[in-house]
Amino acid sequence: MTTYKVFWVQNTPLPSVPIREEHSSYSSFDEAYQSVTDWWHKNNFSPSIVRFIGEPEVDATVTIDYGPHTMFYEIVRNQVQ
């Protein structure tokens, strides 16, 4: 079985440690991405851009760049047995 975990990542300038918070796990990439857009909508947030780094069908991790230079989402594909 395949799951898709959503992480929010904030890369801060050194010497701070980057933050990587797991939000939840979903059964498809589309559901995982929908959880991100649902959060944006619920919090009246409209990103200036949305750029995917990686391809869900090919890469185990897809990074979602949504504008801020230090904050991203990651959707990570996991094989669960």
N, C-alpha and C. Protein backbone atom coordinates (compact mmCIF):
# COMPACT_ATOMS: atom_id res chain seq x y z
N MET A 1 0.84 -1.17 0.00
CA MET A 1 0.00 0.00 0.00
C MET A 1 0.89 1.25 0.00
N THR A 2 0.46 2.26 -0.70
CA THR A 2 1.21 3.52 -0.78
C THR A 2 0.48 4.60 -0.01
N THR A 3 1.24 5.37 0.77
CA THR A 3 0.68 6.53 1.46
C THR A 3 1.48 7.76 1.07
N TYR A 4 0.88 8.91 1.29
CA TYR A 4 1.51 10.20 0.97
C TYR A 4 1.44 11.07 2.21
N LYS A 5 2.61 11.37 2.77
CA LYS A 5 2.67 12.20 3.97
C LYS A 5 2.93 13.66 3.59
N VAL A 6 2.24 14.56 4.29
CA VAL A 6 2.40 15.99 4.04
C VAL A 6 3.24 16.59 5.17
N PHE A 7 4.29 17.30 4.79
CA PHE A 7 5.15 18.00 5.74
C PHE A 7 5.18 19.48 5.39
N TRP A 8 5.21 20.31 6.42
CA TRP A 8 5.47 21.74 6.23
C TRP A 8 6.91 21.97 6.66
N VAL A 9 7.67 22.65 5.83
CA VAL A 9 9.10 22.83 6.07
C VAL A 9 9.43 24.32 6.09
N GLN A 10 10.19 24.73 7.11
CA GLN A 10 10.70 26.10 7.16
C GLN A 10 12.20 26.02 7.32
N ASN A 11 12.90 26.49 6.30
CA ASN A 11 14.36 26.55 6.34
C ASN A 11 14.75 27.92 6.87
N THR A 12 15.39 27.94 8.00
CA THR A 12 15.78 29.19 8.62
C THR A 12 17.28 29.40 8.46
N PRO A 13 17.72 30.66 8.52
CA PRO A 13 19.15 30.92 8.42
C PRO A 13 19.92 30.24 9.56
N LEU A 14 21.13 29.83 9.27
CA LEU A 14 21.97 29.24 10.31
C LEU A 14 22.22 30.25 11.40
N PRO A 15 22.36 29.92 12.65
CA PRO A 15 22.55 28.56 13.16
C PRO A 15 21.25 27.85 13.54
N SER A 16 20.12 28.39 13.18
CA SER A 16 18.85 27.75 13.53
C SER A 16 18.69 26.41 12.81
N VAL A 17 17.93 25.54 13.42
CA VAL A 17 17.65 24.23 12.85
C VAL A 17 16.36 24.32 12.03
N PRO A 18 16.37 23.79 10.81
CA PRO A 18 15.14 23.81 10.01
C PRO A 18 14.00 23.11 10.74
N ILE A 19 12.79 23.56 10.47
CA ILE A 19 11.59 22.97 11.06
C ILE A 19 10.93 22.10 10.00
N ARG A 20 10.54 20.88 10.39
CA ARG A 20 9.84 19.98 9.47
C ARG A 20 8.72 19.31 10.26
N GLU A 21 7.49 19.77 10.04
CA GLU A 21 6.34 19.28 10.78
C GLU A 21 5.50 18.36 9.90
N GLU A 22 5.23 17.15 10.39
CA GLU A 22 4.34 16.25 9.66
C GLU A 22 2.90 16.63 9.95
N HIS A 23 2.11 16.77 8.91
CA HIS A 23 0.71 17.17 9.08
C HIS A 23 -0.22 15.98 9.08
N SER A 24 -0.12 15.12 8.09
CA SER A 24 -1.01 13.97 8.02
C SER A 24 -0.56 13.04 6.90
N SER A 25 -1.29 11.95 6.75
CA SER A 25 -1.00 10.96 5.73
C SER A 25 -2.28 10.68 4.92
N TYR A 26 -2.11 10.47 3.61
CA TYR A 26 -3.25 10.29 2.71
C TYR A 26 -3.00 9.12 1.78
N SER A 27 -4.07 8.67 1.14
CA SER A 27 -3.95 7.50 0.27
C SER A 27 -3.59 7.85 -1.18
N SER A 28 -3.57 9.15 -1.51
CA SER A 28 -3.17 9.55 -2.86
C SER A 28 -2.47 10.91 -2.81
N PHE A 29 -1.69 11.16 -3.84
CA PHE A 29 -1.03 12.47 -3.94
C PHE A 29 -2.07 13.58 -4.01
N ASP A 30 -3.12 13.37 -4.79
CA ASP A 30 -4.16 14.40 -4.96
C ASP A 30 -4.82 14.75 -3.63
N GLU A 31 -5.11 13.73 -2.80
CA GLU A 31 -5.69 14.00 -1.48
C GLU A 31 -4.72 14.78 -0.61
N ALA A 32 -3.44 14.43 -0.69
CA ALA A 32 -2.42 15.13 0.11
C ALA A 32 -2.33 16.59 -0.31
N TYR A 33 -2.29 16.85 -1.61
CA TYR A 33 -2.23 18.23 -2.09
C TYR A 33 -3.51 18.98 -1.75
N GLN A 34 -4.65 18.31 -1.83
CA GLN A 34 -5.92 18.94 -1.50
C GLN A 34 -5.92 19.40 -0.03
N SER A 35 -5.27 18.64 0.84
CA SER A 35 -5.20 19.05 2.25
C SER A 35 -4.45 20.37 2.41
N VAL A 36 -3.44 20.57 1.57
CA VAL A 36 -2.69 21.83 1.60
C VAL A 36 -3.57 22.98 1.13
N THR A 37 -4.24 22.79 0.00
CA THR A 37 -5.08 23.87 -0.52
C THR A 37 -6.29 24.13 0.39
N ASP A 38 -6.80 23.08 1.04
CA ASP A 38 -7.89 23.27 2.00
C ASP A 38 -7.44 24.16 3.16
N TRP A 39 -6.21 23.94 3.64
CA TRP A 39 -5.68 24.76 4.74
C TRP A 39 -5.56 26.21 4.29
N TRP A 40 -5.05 26.42 3.07
CA TRP A 40 -4.93 27.77 2.54
C TRP A 40 -6.30 28.44 2.51
N HIS A 41 -7.29 27.74 1.99
CA HIS A 41 -8.64 28.30 1.88
C HIS A 41 -9.22 28.60 3.27
N LYS A 42 -9.08 27.67 4.19
CA LYS A 42 -9.62 27.84 5.55
C LYS A 42 -9.01 29.05 6.25
N ASN A 43 -7.75 29.34 5.94
CA ASN A 43 -7.03 30.43 6.58
C ASN A 43 -6.93 31.68 5.70
N ASN A 44 -7.78 31.75 4.68
CA ASN A 44 -7.82 32.91 3.77
C ASN A 44 -6.44 33.27 3.22
N PHE A 45 -5.71 32.25 2.84
CA PHE A 45 -4.37 32.45 2.29
C PHE A 45 -4.42 32.15 0.80
N SER A 46 -3.86 33.06 0.02
CA SER A 46 -3.77 32.87 -1.41
C SER A 46 -2.31 33.01 -1.82
N PRO A 47 -1.65 31.90 -2.15
CA PRO A 47 -0.22 31.98 -2.50
C PRO A 47 0.00 32.77 -3.78
N SER A 48 1.11 33.49 -3.81
CA SER A 48 1.43 34.27 -5.00
C SER A 48 1.82 33.38 -6.17
N ILE A 49 2.40 32.23 -5.87
CA ILE A 49 2.74 31.23 -6.89
C ILE A 49 2.56 29.86 -6.27
N VAL A 50 2.44 28.85 -7.11
CA VAL A 50 2.49 27.46 -6.66
C VAL A 50 3.31 26.73 -7.70
N ARG A 51 4.44 26.20 -7.25
CA ARG A 51 5.35 25.52 -8.17
C ARG A 51 5.68 24.16 -7.58
N PHE A 52 5.56 23.12 -8.38
CA PHE A 52 5.91 21.77 -7.95
C PHE A 52 7.33 21.46 -8.38
N ILE A 53 8.11 20.99 -7.44
CA ILE A 53 9.48 20.57 -7.73
C ILE A 53 9.50 19.05 -7.58
N GLY A 54 9.53 18.38 -8.70
CA GLY A 54 9.41 16.93 -8.73
C GLY A 54 8.07 16.54 -9.34
N GLU A 55 7.96 15.26 -9.69
CA GLU A 55 6.74 14.75 -10.30
C GLU A 55 6.21 13.60 -9.46
N PRO A 56 4.92 13.63 -9.09
CA PRO A 56 4.36 12.62 -8.21
C PRO A 56 4.53 11.19 -8.72
N GLU A 57 4.47 10.99 -10.04
CA GLU A 57 4.57 9.64 -10.60
C GLU A 57 6.00 9.11 -10.60
N VAL A 58 6.98 10.02 -10.47
CA VAL A 58 8.38 9.64 -10.62
C VAL A 58 9.16 9.77 -9.31
N ASP A 59 8.99 10.88 -8.62
CA ASP A 59 9.81 11.21 -7.46
C ASP A 59 9.13 10.83 -6.15
N ALA A 60 9.91 10.34 -5.21
CA ALA A 60 9.36 9.97 -3.89
C ALA A 60 8.95 11.19 -3.09
N THR A 61 9.60 12.33 -3.34
CA THR A 61 9.26 13.58 -2.65
C THR A 61 8.98 14.67 -3.67
N VAL A 62 7.84 15.33 -3.51
CA VAL A 62 7.50 16.49 -4.32
C VAL A 62 7.45 17.68 -3.39
N THR A 63 8.23 18.71 -3.72
CA THR A 63 8.25 19.93 -2.93
C THR A 63 7.31 20.93 -3.56
N ILE A 64 6.51 21.58 -2.72
CA ILE A 64 5.59 22.61 -3.20
C ILE A 64 6.11 23.96 -2.74
N ASP A 65 6.55 24.74 -3.69
CA ASP A 65 7.01 26.11 -3.44
C ASP A 65 5.80 27.01 -3.60
N TYR A 66 5.42 27.69 -2.52
CA TYR A 66 4.22 28.52 -2.58
C TYR A 66 4.51 29.99 -2.33
N GLY A 67 5.75 30.41 -2.57
CA GLY A 67 6.06 31.83 -2.53
C GLY A 67 7.13 32.24 -1.54
N PRO A 68 6.92 32.01 -0.22
CA PRO A 68 7.96 32.44 0.73
C PRO A 68 9.29 31.73 0.42
N HIS A 69 10.37 32.43 0.58
CA HIS A 69 11.68 31.87 0.22
C HIS A 69 12.17 30.82 1.19
N THR A 70 11.56 30.72 2.35
CA THR A 70 12.06 29.77 3.35
C THR A 70 11.03 28.73 3.77
N MET A 71 9.83 28.76 3.18
CA MET A 71 8.77 27.83 3.60
C MET A 71 8.23 27.06 2.40
N PHE A 72 8.05 25.77 2.62
CA PHE A 72 7.61 24.87 1.56
C PHE A 72 6.73 23.79 2.16
N TYR A 73 6.04 23.06 1.31
CA TYR A 73 5.41 21.81 1.69
C TYR A 73 6.15 20.70 0.97
N GLU A 74 6.19 19.53 1.59
CA GLU A 74 6.70 18.33 0.94
C GLU A 74 5.61 17.27 1.02
N ILE A 75 5.41 16.58 -0.07
CA ILE A 75 4.55 15.41 -0.08
C ILE A 75 5.46 14.23 -0.39
N VAL A 76 5.52 13.32 0.58
CA VAL A 76 6.46 12.20 0.50
C VAL A 76 5.68 10.90 0.32
N ARG A 77 6.02 10.19 -0.74
CA ARG A 77 5.39 8.88 -1.02
C ARG A 77 6.10 7.80 -0.20
N ASN A 78 5.30 6.98 0.48
CA ASN A 78 5.83 5.89 1.30
C ASN A 78 5.16 4.58 0.91
N GLN A 79 5.95 3.54 0.86
CA GLN A 79 5.41 2.20 0.66
C GLN A 79 5.21 1.58 2.04
N VAL A 80 3.97 1.19 2.34
CA VAL A 80 3.65 0.56 3.61
C VAL A 80 3.25 -0.87 3.33
N GLN A 81 3.82 -1.79 4.11
CA GLN A 81 3.50 -3.21 3.87
C GLN A 81 2.54 -3.72 4.91
